C-alpha atoms as a PDB file:
ATOM      1  CA  MET A   1     -28.800   5.972 -10.656  1.00  0.00           C
ATOM      2  CA  THR A   2     -32.070   3.605  -9.461  1.00  0.00           C
ATOM      3  CA  THR A   3     -31.039   0.150 -10.987  1.00  0.00           C
ATOM      4  CA  SER A   4     -27.625  -2.215 -10.486  1.00  0.00           C
ATOM      5  CA  ASP A   5     -27.707  -2.229 -14.811  1.00  0.00           C
ATOM      6  CA  VAL A   6     -26.855   1.659 -14.853  1.00  0.00           C
ATOM      7  CA  LEU A   7     -24.376   1.664 -11.925  1.00  0.00           C
ATOM      8  CA  PRO A   8     -20.476   1.997 -12.909  1.00  0.00           C
ATOM      9  CA  LEU A   9     -19.251  -1.795 -12.652  1.00  0.00           C
ATOM     10  CA  VAL A  10     -16.508  -2.097  -9.389  1.00  0.00           C
ATOM     11  CA  ALA A  11     -14.103  -5.294  -9.727  1.00  0.00           C
ATOM     12  CA  VAL A  12     -12.250  -6.183  -6.338  1.00  0.00           C
ATOM     13  CA  VAL A  13      -9.324  -8.003  -7.013  1.00  0.00           C
ATOM     14  CA  VAL A  14      -8.210 -10.154  -4.146  1.00  0.00           C
ATOM     15  CA  PRO A  15      -4.405 -11.936  -4.044  1.00  0.00           C
ATOM     16  CA  VAL A  16      -4.208 -14.993  -1.478  1.00  0.00           C
ATOM     17  CA  TYR A  17      -1.609 -16.811  -0.530  1.00  0.00           C
ATOM     18  CA  ASP A  18      -1.824 -19.286   2.585  1.00  0.00           C
ATOM     19  CA  ALA A  19      -4.671 -16.864   3.992  1.00  0.00           C
ATOM     20  CA  GLY A  20      -6.898 -20.035   4.688  1.00  0.00           C
ATOM     21  CA  ALA A  21      -7.781 -18.722   8.201  1.00  0.00           C
ATOM     22  CA  PHE A  22      -9.194 -15.542   6.841  1.00  0.00           C
ATOM     23  CA  VAL A  23     -10.035 -15.375   2.897  1.00  0.00           C
ATOM     24  CA  ALA A  24     -13.572 -16.661   3.528  1.00  0.00           C
ATOM     25  CA  ALA A  25     -14.400 -13.432   5.887  1.00  0.00           C
ATOM     26  CA  SER A  26     -12.445 -11.248   3.220  1.00  0.00           C
ATOM     27  CA  LEU A  27     -14.772 -12.585   0.485  1.00  0.00           C
ATOM     28  CA  CYS A  28     -17.614 -12.429   2.354  1.00  0.00           C
ATOM     29  CA  SER A  29     -17.289  -8.919   2.554  1.00  0.00           C
ATOM     30  CA  VAL A  30     -17.280  -8.179  -0.831  1.00  0.00           C
ATOM     31  CA  ALA A  31     -20.660 -10.129  -0.966  1.00  0.00           C
ATOM     32  CA  GLN A  32     -22.208  -7.840   1.347  1.00  0.00           C
ATOM     33  CA  GLN A  33     -21.525  -4.790  -0.309  1.00  0.00           C
ATOM     34  CA  SER A  34     -24.408  -2.534  -0.549  1.00  0.00           C
ATOM     35  CA  HIS A  35     -22.945  -1.604  -4.053  1.00  0.00           C
ATOM     36  CA  GLY A  36     -25.593  -3.258  -6.515  1.00  0.00           C
ATOM     37  CA  ARG A  37     -22.305  -4.303  -9.727  1.00  0.00           C
ATOM     38  CA  TRP A  38     -19.495  -5.693  -8.639  1.00  0.00           C
ATOM     39  CA  PHE A  39     -17.155  -8.646 -10.058  1.00  0.00           C
ATOM     40  CA  CYS A  40     -14.604  -9.970  -7.877  1.00  0.00           C
ATOM     41  CA  VAL A  41     -11.508 -11.800  -8.946  1.00  0.00           C
ATOM     42  CA  VAL A  42      -9.458 -14.228  -6.402  1.00  0.00           C
ATOM     43  CA  VAL A  43      -6.613 -15.306  -7.137  1.00  0.00           C
ATOM     44  CA  ASP A  44      -4.852 -17.881  -5.297  1.00  0.00           C
ATOM     45  CA  ASP A  45      -1.136 -17.410  -5.454  1.00  0.00           C
ATOM     46  CA  GLY A  46       0.376 -21.004  -4.840  1.00  0.00           C
ATOM     47  CA  SER A  47      -1.135 -21.350  -1.294  1.00  0.00           C
ATOM     48  CA  THR A  48       0.288 -24.477   0.677  1.00  0.00           C
ATOM     49  CA  ASP A  49      -2.695 -24.375   3.071  1.00  0.00           C
ATOM     50  CA  ASP A  50      -6.405 -24.749   2.632  1.00  0.00           C
ATOM     51  CA  SER A  51      -6.825 -21.537   0.638  1.00  0.00           C
ATOM     52  CA  TRP A  52      -8.353 -22.992  -2.428  1.00  0.00           C
ATOM     53  CA  ALA A  53     -10.575 -24.867  -0.283  1.00  0.00           C
ATOM     54  CA  GLN A  54     -12.111 -21.732   1.383  1.00  0.00           C
ATOM     55  CA  ILE A  55     -12.131 -19.853  -1.689  1.00  0.00           C
ATOM     56  CA  THR A  56     -14.252 -22.439  -3.597  1.00  0.00           C
ATOM     57  CA  ARG A  57     -16.648 -22.806  -0.643  1.00  0.00           C
ATOM     58  CA  ALA A  58     -17.380 -18.979  -0.527  1.00  0.00           C
ATOM     59  CA  THR A  59     -17.370 -18.082  -4.057  1.00  0.00           C
ATOM     60  CA  VAL A  60     -19.101 -21.453  -5.154  1.00  0.00           C
ATOM     61  CA  GLY A  61     -22.871 -20.529  -7.274  1.00  0.00           C
ATOM     62  CA  ASP A  62     -22.055 -16.837  -7.290  1.00  0.00           C
ATOM     63  CA  PRO A  63     -21.286 -15.755 -10.770  1.00  0.00           C
ATOM     64  CA  ARG A  64     -19.857 -12.507  -9.372  1.00  0.00           C
ATOM     65  CA  PHE A  65     -17.105 -14.447  -8.393  1.00  0.00           C
ATOM     66  CA  LEU A  66     -13.920 -15.647 -10.188  1.00  0.00           C
ATOM     67  CA  ALA A  67     -11.620 -17.768  -8.859  1.00  0.00           C
ATOM     68  CA  LEU A  68      -8.041 -18.188 -10.452  1.00  0.00           C
ATOM     69  CA  ARG A  69      -4.826 -20.668  -9.131  1.00  0.00           C
ATOM     70  CA  GLN A  70      -1.496 -20.050 -10.481  1.00  0.00           C
ATOM     71  CA  ASP A  71       1.784 -20.938  -8.970  1.00  0.00           C
ATOM     72  CA  ASN A  72       3.553 -18.907  -6.880  1.00  0.00           C
ATOM     73  CA  ARG A  73       4.798 -15.427  -8.180  1.00  0.00           C
ATOM     74  CA  GLY A  74       4.307 -13.063  -5.569  1.00  0.00           C
ATOM     75  CA  VAL A  75       1.655 -10.675  -4.537  1.00  0.00           C
ATOM     76  CA  SER A  76       2.317  -7.957  -7.794  1.00  0.00           C
ATOM     77  CA  GLU A  77       1.527 -10.972 -10.048  1.00  0.00           C
ATOM     78  CA  ALA A  78      -1.236 -12.180  -8.624  1.00  0.00           C
ATOM     79  CA  ARG A  79      -3.043  -8.579  -8.482  1.00  0.00           C
ATOM     80  CA  ASN A  80      -1.789  -7.937 -12.139  1.00  0.00           C
ATOM     81  CA  ALA A  81      -3.383 -11.823 -12.897  1.00  0.00           C
ATOM     82  CA  GLY A  82      -6.675 -10.367 -11.621  1.00  0.00           C
ATOM     83  CA  LEU A  83      -6.667  -7.482 -13.696  1.00  0.00           C
ATOM     84  CA  ARG A  84      -5.931  -9.083 -16.686  1.00  0.00           C
ATOM     85  CA  GLU A  85      -9.425 -10.963 -16.191  1.00  0.00           C
ATOM     86  CA  LEU A  86     -11.556  -7.837 -15.199  1.00  0.00           C
ATOM     87  CA  PRO A  87     -14.534  -7.469 -17.789  1.00  0.00           C
ATOM     88  CA  ALA A  88     -14.121  -4.625 -20.309  1.00  0.00           C
ATOM     89  CA  GLU A  89     -16.891  -2.569 -18.547  1.00  0.00           C
ATOM     90  CA  THR A  90     -14.706  -2.289 -15.295  1.00  0.00           C
ATOM     91  CA  ARG A  91     -14.924   1.089 -14.235  1.00  0.00           C
ATOM     92  CA  TYR A  92     -12.804   1.445 -11.111  1.00  0.00           C
ATOM     93  CA  VAL A  93     -11.073  -1.232  -8.986  1.00  0.00           C
ATOM     94  CA  SER A  94     -10.469  -1.983  -5.474  1.00  0.00           C
ATOM     95  CA  PHE A  95      -7.432  -4.166  -4.360  1.00  0.00           C
ATOM     96  CA  LEU A  96      -8.319  -6.158  -0.985  1.00  0.00           C
ATOM     97  CA  ASP A  97      -6.005  -8.539   0.850  1.00  0.00           C
ATOM     98  CA  ALA A  98      -6.939 -11.857   1.906  1.00  0.00           C
ATOM     99  CA  ASP A  99      -6.739 -11.032   5.408  1.00  0.00           C
ATOM    100  CA  ASP A 100      -8.478  -7.960   5.627  1.00  0.00           C
ATOM    101  CA  LEU A 101     -12.257  -6.616   5.540  1.00  0.00           C
ATOM    102  CA  LEU A 102     -14.580  -4.128   3.684  1.00  0.00           C
ATOM    103  CA  LEU A 103     -17.123  -2.362   5.305  1.00  0.00           C
ATOM    104  CA  PRO A 104     -20.588  -3.310   3.808  1.00  0.00           C
ATOM    105  CA  ASP A 105     -20.926   0.388   2.303  1.00  0.00           C
ATOM    106  CA  ALA A 106     -17.169   0.719   1.510  1.00  0.00           C
ATOM    107  CA  LEU A 107     -17.632   0.409  -2.642  1.00  0.00           C
ATOM    108  CA  ASP A 108     -20.373   2.944  -2.554  1.00  0.00           C
ATOM    109  CA  ARG A 109     -19.079   5.418  -0.583  1.00  0.00           C
ATOM    110  CA  LEU A 110     -15.595   5.250  -2.595  1.00  0.00           C
ATOM    111  CA  VAL A 111     -17.628   5.089  -5.913  1.00  0.00           C
ATOM    112  CA  ASP A 112     -19.395   8.499  -5.317  1.00  0.00           C
ATOM    113  CA  ALA A 113     -16.541  10.333  -4.524  1.00  0.00           C
ATOM    114  CA  LEU A 114     -15.209   9.247  -7.634  1.00  0.00           C
ATOM    115  CA  GLU A 115     -18.631   9.508  -9.539  1.00  0.00           C
ATOM    116  CA  ASP A 116     -18.553  13.659  -7.971  1.00  0.00           C
ATOM    117  CA  GLN A 117     -14.806  14.429  -9.228  1.00  0.00           C
ATOM    118  CA  PRO A 118     -13.941  13.114 -12.783  1.00  0.00           C
ATOM    119  CA  ALA A 119     -10.439  14.458 -12.579  1.00  0.00           C
ATOM    120  CA  ALA A 120      -9.229  12.325  -9.289  1.00  0.00           C
ATOM    121  CA  VAL A 121      -7.449   8.774 -10.492  1.00  0.00           C
ATOM    122  CA  GLY A 122      -8.623   7.418  -7.025  1.00  0.00           C
ATOM    123  CA  ALA A 123     -10.496   7.873  -3.759  1.00  0.00           C
ATOM    124  CA  TYR A 124      -9.449   6.123  -0.522  1.00  0.00           C
ATOM    125  CA  GLY A 125     -10.752   6.251   3.325  1.00  0.00           C
ATOM    126  CA  LEU A 126      -9.376   4.839   6.481  1.00  0.00           C
ATOM    127  CA  ALA A 127      -9.179   1.224   8.162  1.00  0.00           C
ATOM    128  CA  GLU A 128      -8.898   0.314  11.734  1.00  0.00           C
ATOM    129  CA  LEU A 129      -7.269  -2.503  13.176  1.00  0.00           C
ATOM    130  CA  VAL A 130      -8.720  -5.999  14.098  1.00  0.00           C
ATOM    131  CA  ASP A 131      -7.249  -9.178  15.264  1.00  0.00           C
ATOM    132  CA  GLU A 132      -6.858 -12.582  13.932  1.00  0.00           C
ATOM    133  CA  HIS A 133     -10.307 -13.427  15.927  1.00  0.00           C
ATOM    134  CA  GLY A 134     -12.271 -10.547  14.599  1.00  0.00           C
ATOM    135  CA  ARG A 135     -11.944  -8.496  17.200  1.00  0.00           C
ATOM    136  CA  THR A 136     -11.074  -4.742  17.651  1.00  0.00           C
ATOM    137  CA  ASP A 137      -9.829  -2.651  20.567  1.00  0.00           C
ATOM    138  CA  GLY A 138     -11.857   0.307  19.683  1.00  0.00           C
ATOM    139  CA  ALA A 139      -9.024   2.793  20.040  1.00  0.00           C
ATOM    140  CA  CYS A 140      -9.072   3.989  16.233  1.00  0.00           C
ATOM    141  CA  ARG A 141      -5.140   4.373  16.337  1.00  0.00           C
ATOM    142  CA  HIS A 142      -4.813   3.426  12.490  1.00  0.00           C
ATOM    143  CA  GLY A 143      -7.140   6.209  11.472  1.00  0.00           C
ATOM    144  CA  ALA A 144      -5.186   8.601  13.666  1.00  0.00           C
ATOM    145  CA  ARG A 145      -2.024   7.359  11.822  1.00  0.00           C
ATOM    146  CA  GLN A 146      -3.538   7.795   8.721  1.00  0.00           C
ATOM    147  CA  ARG A 147      -4.690  11.228   9.355  1.00  0.00           C
ATOM    148  CA  ASP A 148      -1.429  12.424  10.286  1.00  0.00           C
ATOM    149  CA  ARG A 149      -0.338  13.757   6.893  1.00  0.00           C
ATOM    150  CA  ARG A 150       2.716  15.638   5.867  1.00  0.00           C
ATOM    151  CA  ALA A 151       3.439  17.041   2.199  1.00  0.00           C
ATOM    152  CA  LEU A 152       6.582  18.856   0.971  1.00  0.00           C
ATOM    153  CA  ARG A 153       6.090  22.413   0.447  1.00  0.00           C
ATOM    154  CA  GLY A 154       9.166  23.440  -1.284  1.00  0.00           C
ATOM    155  CA  ARG A 155      11.961  22.004   1.249  1.00  0.00           C
ATOM    156  CA  ARG A 156       9.761  22.101   4.190  1.00  0.00           C
ATOM    157  CA  LEU A 157       7.042  19.353   5.366  1.00  0.00           C
ATOM    158  CA  VAL A 158       3.369  20.900   6.081  1.00  0.00           C
ATOM    159  CA  PRO A 159       0.785  19.218   7.591  1.00  0.00           C
ATOM    160  CA  VAL A 160      -2.161  18.274   5.314  1.00  0.00           C
ATOM    161  CA  GLY A 161      -5.722  17.785   6.400  1.00  0.00           C
ATOM    162  CA  ALA A 162      -7.321  15.155   6.739  1.00  0.00           C
ATOM    163  CA  ARG A 163     -10.015  15.631   3.534  1.00  0.00           C
ATOM    164  CA  GLU A 164      -7.451  17.285   1.592  1.00  0.00           C
ATOM    165  CA  PRO A 165      -6.302  15.147  -1.755  1.00  0.00           C
ATOM    166  CA  LEU A 166      -3.433  13.085  -1.865  1.00  0.00           C
ATOM    167  CA  THR A 167      -0.916  14.432  -4.237  1.00  0.00           C
ATOM    168  CA  PHE A 168       2.298  13.294  -5.139  1.00  0.00           C
ATOM    169  CA  ASN A 169       3.944  15.730  -3.010  1.00  0.00           C
ATOM    170  CA  GLU A 170       2.896  14.133   0.153  1.00  0.00           C
ATOM    171  CA  ALA A 171       3.158  10.276  -1.387  1.00  0.00           C
ATOM    172  CA  ALA A 172       6.861  11.184  -2.345  1.00  0.00           C
ATOM    173  CA  VAL A 173       7.327  11.258   1.692  1.00  0.00           C
ATOM    174  CA  VAL A 174       4.948   8.810   2.776  1.00  0.00           C
ATOM    175  CA  SER A 175       1.407   7.399   1.551  1.00  0.00           C
ATOM    176  CA  PRO A 176      -1.455   7.307   4.169  1.00  0.00           C
ATOM    177  CA  VAL A 177      -2.985   4.671   1.704  1.00  0.00           C
ATOM    178  CA  TRP A 178      -2.923   1.647   3.329  1.00  0.00           C
ATOM    179  CA  PRO A 179      -3.820  -1.392   3.496  1.00  0.00           C
ATOM    180  CA  PRO A 180      -4.917  -1.308   0.324  1.00  0.00           C
ATOM    181  CA  ALA A 181      -8.284  -1.988   0.812  1.00  0.00           C
ATOM    182  CA  VAL A 182      -9.004   1.343   1.778  1.00  0.00           C
ATOM    183  CA  ALA A 183      -8.814   2.827  -1.992  1.00  0.00           C
ATOM    184  CA  LEU A 184     -10.941   2.407  -5.287  1.00  0.00           C
ATOM    185  CA  PHE A 185      -8.906   3.606  -8.616  1.00  0.00           C
ATOM    186  CA  ARG A 186     -10.137   4.242 -11.854  1.00  0.00           C
ATOM    187  CA  ARG A 187      -9.342   1.474 -14.211  1.00  0.00           C
ATOM    188  CA  SER A 188      -7.998   3.444 -16.663  1.00  0.00           C
ATOM    189  CA  ALA A 189      -5.640   5.222 -14.587  1.00  0.00           C
ATOM    190  CA  LEU A 190      -4.311   1.748 -13.875  1.00  0.00           C
ATOM    191  CA  ASP A 191      -4.101   0.588 -17.360  1.00  0.00           C
ATOM    192  CA  ALA A 192      -1.783   3.909 -18.016  1.00  0.00           C
ATOM    193  CA  VAL A 193       0.665   2.847 -15.503  1.00  0.00           C
ATOM    194  CA  GLY A 194       0.585  -0.621 -16.271  1.00  0.00           C
ATOM    195  CA  GLY A 195      -0.688  -2.146 -13.212  1.00  0.00           C
ATOM    196  CA  PHE A 196       2.170  -3.421 -10.164  1.00  0.00           C
ATOM    197  CA  ASP A 197       5.805  -3.600 -10.618  1.00  0.00           C
ATOM    198  CA  ARG A 198       6.737  -7.295 -10.283  1.00  0.00           C
ATOM    199  CA  GLY A 199      10.152  -6.565  -8.977  1.00  0.00           C
ATOM    200  CA  LEU A 200       8.638  -5.345  -5.823  1.00  0.00           C
ATOM    201  CA  VAL A 201       8.405  -8.051  -2.910  1.00  0.00           C
ATOM    202  CA  GLN A 202       7.005  -5.026  -0.626  1.00  0.00           C
ATOM    203  CA  LEU A 203       5.678  -2.142  -0.800  1.00  0.00           C
ATOM    204  CA  GLU A 204       4.286  -2.223  -4.394  1.00  0.00           C
ATOM    205  CA  ASP A 205       1.239  -0.413  -3.374  1.00  0.00           C
ATOM    206  CA  TRP A 206       2.920   2.519  -2.915  1.00  0.00           C
ATOM    207  CA  ASP A 207       4.795   2.059  -5.977  1.00  0.00           C
ATOM    208  CA  LEU A 208       1.672   1.944  -7.539  1.00  0.00           C
ATOM    209  CA  TYR A 209      -0.107   5.154  -6.129  1.00  0.00           C
ATOM    210  CA  LEU A 210       3.393   7.007  -6.746  1.00  0.00           C
ATOM    211  CA  ARG A 211       3.004   6.275 -10.540  1.00  0.00           C
ATOM    212  CA  LEU A 212      -0.885   7.094 -10.367  1.00  0.00           C
ATOM    213  CA  LEU A 213      -0.426  10.465  -8.638  1.00  0.00           C
ATOM    214  CA  ARG A 214       1.623  11.603 -11.763  1.00  0.00           C
ATOM    215  CA  LEU A 215      -1.547  11.358 -13.415  1.00  0.00           C
ATOM    216  CA  GLY A 216      -3.866  13.315 -11.084  1.00  0.00           C
ATOM    217  CA  ASP A 217      -4.890  13.239  -7.066  1.00  0.00           C
ATOM    218  CA  VAL A 218      -6.395  10.574  -4.797  1.00  0.00           C
ATOM    219  CA  LEU A 219      -9.128  11.851  -2.996  1.00  0.00           C
ATOM    220  CA  ALA A 220      -9.597  11.758   1.087  1.00  0.00           C
ATOM    221  CA  LEU A 221     -12.718  10.688   2.445  1.00  0.00           C
ATOM    222  CA  ASP A 222     -11.768  10.749   5.999  1.00  0.00           C
ATOM    223  CA  GLU A 223     -14.031   7.978   7.378  1.00  0.00           C
ATOM    224  CA  GLN A 224     -13.540   4.455   7.717  1.00  0.00           C
ATOM    225  CA  VAL A 225     -14.202   1.792   4.791  1.00  0.00           C
ATOM    226  CA  ALA A 226     -12.013  -1.070   5.672  1.00  0.00           C
ATOM    227  CA  TRP A 227     -10.813  -3.390   8.541  1.00  0.00           C
ATOM    228  CA  TYR A 228      -7.155  -4.170   8.594  1.00  0.00           C
ATOM    229  CA  ARG A 229      -6.612  -7.455  10.137  1.00  0.00           C
ATOM    230  CA  THR A 230      -2.983  -7.927  12.223  1.00  0.00           C
ATOM    231  CA  HIS A 231      -1.505 -10.977  12.987  1.00  0.00           C
ATOM    232  CA  GLY A 232       1.682 -12.798  13.047  1.00  0.00           C
ATOM    233  CA  GLY A 233       2.482 -13.525   9.395  1.00  0.00           C
ATOM    234  CA  GLN A 234       2.198 -10.143   8.096  1.00  0.00           C
ATOM    235  CA  ALA A 235       5.128  -8.612   6.392  1.00  0.00           C
ATOM    236  CA  THR A 236       4.503  -5.184   7.621  1.00  0.00           C
ATOM    237  CA  GLY A 237       6.023  -6.399  11.318  1.00  0.00           C
ATOM    238  CA  ARG A 238       9.314  -6.978   9.683  1.00  0.00           C
ATOM    239  CA  VAL A 239      11.048  -3.630  10.328  1.00  0.00           C
ATOM    240  CA  GLY A 240      14.426  -3.926   8.099  1.00  0.00           C
ATOM    241  CA  GLU A 241      12.418  -5.414   5.324  1.00  0.00           C
ATOM    242  CA  ASN A 242      10.194  -2.558   4.945  1.00  0.00           C
ATOM    243  CA  VAL A 243      13.126  -0.007   5.139  1.00  0.00           C
ATOM    244  CA  TYR A 244      14.888  -1.715   2.613  1.00  0.00           C
ATOM    245  CA  PHE A 245      11.925  -1.888   0.050  1.00  0.00           C
ATOM    246  CA  SER A 246      11.038   1.494   1.079  1.00  0.00           C
ATOM    247  CA  ASP A 247      14.510   2.715  -0.279  1.00  0.00           C
ATOM    248  CA  GLN A 248      13.932   0.579  -3.447  1.00  0.00           C
ATOM    249  CA  VAL A 249      10.636   2.358  -4.304  1.00  0.00           C
ATOM    250  CA  ARG A 250      12.143   5.742  -3.590  1.00  0.00           C
ATOM    251  CA  ARG A 251      15.120   4.727  -6.316  1.00  0.00           C
ATOM    252  CA  ARG A 252      12.656   3.716  -8.643  1.00  0.00           C
ATOM    253  CA  ALA A 253      10.501   6.545  -8.345  1.00  0.00           C
ATOM    254  CA  TRP A 254      13.778   9.092  -8.819  1.00  0.00           C
ATOM    255  CA  ARG A 255      14.945   7.490 -11.668  1.00  0.00           C
ATOM    256  CA  SER A 256      11.298   6.716 -13.545  1.00  0.00           C
ATOM    257  CA  PRO A 257      11.236   7.991 -17.189  1.00  0.00           C
ATOM    258  CA  ALA A 258       8.041   9.135 -16.270  1.00  0.00           C
ATOM    259  CA  ASN A 259       9.097  12.106 -14.244  1.00  0.00           C
ATOM    260  CA  THR A 260       8.724  15.751 -14.957  1.00  0.00           C
ATOM    261  CA  ALA A 261      11.730  18.063 -13.253  1.00  0.00           C
ATOM    262  CA  VAL A 262       9.267  18.681 -10.437  1.00  0.00           C
ATOM    263  CA  HIS A 263       8.439  15.052 -10.037  1.00  0.00           C
ATOM    264  CA  ARG A 264      12.339  14.272  -9.846  1.00  0.00           C
ATOM    265  CA  THR A 265      13.049  17.190  -7.420  1.00  0.00           C
ATOM    266  CA  THR A 266       9.967  16.225  -5.181  1.00  0.00           C
ATOM    267  CA  VAL A 267      11.309  12.828  -4.868  1.00  0.00           C
ATOM    268  CA  ARG A 268      14.888  14.063  -4.074  1.00  0.00           C
ATOM    269  CA  ARG A 269      13.773  16.189  -1.310  1.00  0.00           C
ATOM    270  CA  ALA A 270      11.301  13.842   0.207  1.00  0.00           C
ATOM    271  CA  TRP A 271      14.100  11.158   0.288  1.00  0.00           C
ATOM    272  CA  ARG A 272      16.246  13.770   1.948  1.00  0.00           C
ATOM    273  CA  GLN A 273      13.908  14.829   4.569  1.00  0.00           C
ATOM    274  CA  VAL A 274      13.626  10.673   5.833  1.00  0.00           C
ATOM    275  CA  HIS A 275      17.232   9.865   5.144  1.00  0.00           C
ATOM    276  CA  VAL A 276      18.118  13.119   7.552  1.00  0.00           C
ATOM    277  CA  ARG A 277      15.910  11.854  10.159  1.00  0.00           C
ATOM    278  CA  ARG A 278      17.026   8.152   9.842  1.00  0.00           C
ATOM    279  CA  SER A 279      20.454   9.179  10.025  1.00  0.00           C
ATOM    280  CA  ALA A 280      19.917  10.916  13.085  1.00  0.00           C
ATOM    281  CA  ARG A 281      17.982   7.955  14.837  1.00  0.00           C
ATOM    282  CA  VAL A 282      21.390   5.606  13.824  1.00  0.00           C
ATOM    283  CA  VAL A 283      23.350   8.707  15.269  1.00  0.00           C
ATOM    284  CA  GLN A 284      21.292   8.163  18.471  1.00  0.00           C
ATOM    285  CA  ARG A 285      21.692   4.371  18.427  1.00  0.00           C
ATOM    286  CA  LEU A 286      25.060   4.646  18.014  1.00  0.00           C
ATOM    287  CA  ALA A 287      25.943   6.880  21.102  1.00  0.00           C
ATOM    288  CA  ARG A 288      23.588   4.723  23.400  1.00  0.00           C
ATOM    289  CA  ALA A 289      26.110   1.725  22.253  1.00  0.00           C
ATOM    290  CA  VAL A 290      29.146   4.011  22.975  1.00  0.00           C
ATOM    291  CA  ALA A 291      27.851   4.693  26.292  1.00  0.00           C
ATOM    292  CA  ARG A 292      27.298   1.111  27.193  1.00  0.00           C
ATOM    293  CA  GLY A 293      30.716   0.247  25.932  1.00  0.00           C
ATOM    294  CA  ASP A 294      29.106  -2.210  23.739  1.00  0.00           C
ATOM    295  CA  VAL A 295      31.610  -2.329  20.855  1.00  0.00           C
ATOM    296  CA  ARG A 296      30.333  -5.104  19.015  1.00  0.00           C
ATOM    297  CA  ARG A 297      27.307  -3.178  18.247  1.00  0.00           C
ATOM    298  CA  ALA A 298      28.731   0.089  18.090  1.00  0.00           C
ATOM    299  CA  LEU A 299      30.992  -0.821  15.150  1.00  0.00           C
ATOM    300  CA  PRO A 300      28.301  -1.578  12.632  1.00  0.00           C
ATOM    301  CA  LEU A 301      26.328   1.727  13.649  1.00  0.00           C
ATOM    302  CA  ALA A 302      29.591   3.299  13.117  1.00  0.00           C
ATOM    303  CA  VAL A 303      29.811   2.369   9.771  1.00  0.00           C
ATOM    304  CA  ALA A 304      26.332   2.732   8.907  1.00  0.00           C
ATOM    305  CA  ALA A 305      26.665   6.396  10.333  1.00  0.00           C
ATOM    306  CA  LEU A 306      29.207   7.106   8.020  1.00  0.00           C
ATOM    307  CA  VAL A 307      27.651   6.107   4.997  1.00  0.00           C
ATOM    308  CA  MET A 308      24.263   7.112   5.787  1.00  0.00           C
ATOM    309  CA  GLY A 309      25.961  10.860   5.767  1.00  0.00           C
ATOM    310  CA  VAL A 310      28.033  10.717   2.951  1.00  0.00           C
ATOM    311  CA  GLN A 311      24.679   9.388   1.002  1.00  0.00           C
ATOM    312  CA  THR A 312      23.008  12.320   2.219  1.00  0.00           C
ATOM    313  CA  MET A 313      24.933  14.423  -0.341  1.00  0.00           C
ATOM    314  CA  ALA A 314      24.217  12.299  -3.312  1.00  0.00           C
ATOM    315  CA  PRO A 315      21.982  13.973  -6.189  1.00  0.00           C
ATOM    316  CA  GLY A 316      19.489  11.057  -5.285  1.00  0.00           C
ATOM    317  CA  PRO A 317      18.155   8.362  -3.427  1.00  0.00           C
ATOM    318  CA  PRO A 318      21.102   5.856  -3.855  1.00  0.00           C
ATOM    319  CA  PRO A 319      20.294   2.184  -4.299  1.00  0.00           C
ATOM    320  CA  ALA A 320      19.003  -0.050  -1.922  1.00  0.00           C
ATOM    321  CA  SER A 321      21.264  -2.045   0.474  1.00  0.00           C
ATOM    322  CA  ARG A 322      20.435  -4.970   2.499  1.00  0.00           C
ATOM    323  CA  ARG A 323      23.779  -4.823   4.093  1.00  0.00           C
ATOM    324  CA  LEU A 324      23.364  -0.736   5.497  1.00  0.00           C
ATOM    325  CA  VAL A 325      20.055  -1.523   6.333  1.00  0.00           C
ATOM    326  CA  ARG A 326      21.465  -4.404   8.967  1.00  0.00           C
ATOM    327  CA  TRP A 327      24.513  -1.953   9.728  1.00  0.00           C
ATOM    328  CA  SER A 328      22.055   0.478  10.886  1.00  0.00           C
ATOM    329  CA  GLY A 329      20.443  -1.728  13.199  1.00  0.00           C
ATOM    330  CA  ARG A 330      17.195  -3.141  11.200  1.00  0.00           C
ATOM    331  CA  THR A 331      17.335  -7.119  10.615  1.00  0.00           C
ATOM    332  CA  VAL A 332      16.347  -8.131   7.084  1.00  0.00           C
END
């Protein structure tokens, strides 16, 4: 490929909600891509701050950007709205959150990987942390967490090499693909699974990856392609909510009509691995509360331990319960 008109068209979808402090920098990271052929759809999802003004300033005069506004409908609806606006010739799609940043050659590296492996449905790289002021501590902690991978083999969890493709057996346990900016997917695969589930408020990206991975593997680059911004407003910092929506995703994955018998067994076994570990942590917190004589804390933990013990014998992931999350010592 030598000229931009023969490069595959890559679309970047950016959902925005009250990200006025960061969105201009995120869009600038798209504009600075070395890949010669991209299109970016920015969807303001009912922001109440100056996000729209920042989007307008950052995109004015550049026909490669399309900026839209809608009433607040949630991140899944915003991303799906962006998907509906993609040019017909779009081959690959990236989802960039409005507070994160792409490295200048991110799209080039992800496209190259996918062009070389036509059977893969996507490719992903690593992210490192940057704070709200654009500073990084250089510790590479986030990339190290993404490299710490485990997949199901039979009933056991086994290590996965940093460059091995991501499979359904691994993502059913936990996905190393976060934030969304680190990944690029084939538009045809996204169309086949129907985009994001609007019924999920969080972890909608993990749900999408599980559906995509029923179609094929996702390549792992083991190199940084994005910056993941940390700040006080992130949903990822609310542990109880993440536990609750994790339970929702596992339940949906287990009940999906798209499952083969193998997929369904994999989700059940992955859930048991996670559930047994979670139950053990609840029991540990209960033991500490009893040792301190903290009856007020011990009672809900005892109920949670009992309920979770019974759930372990269930045929698959039970419905998510905010009450159980609270009993287990996590605030929702």
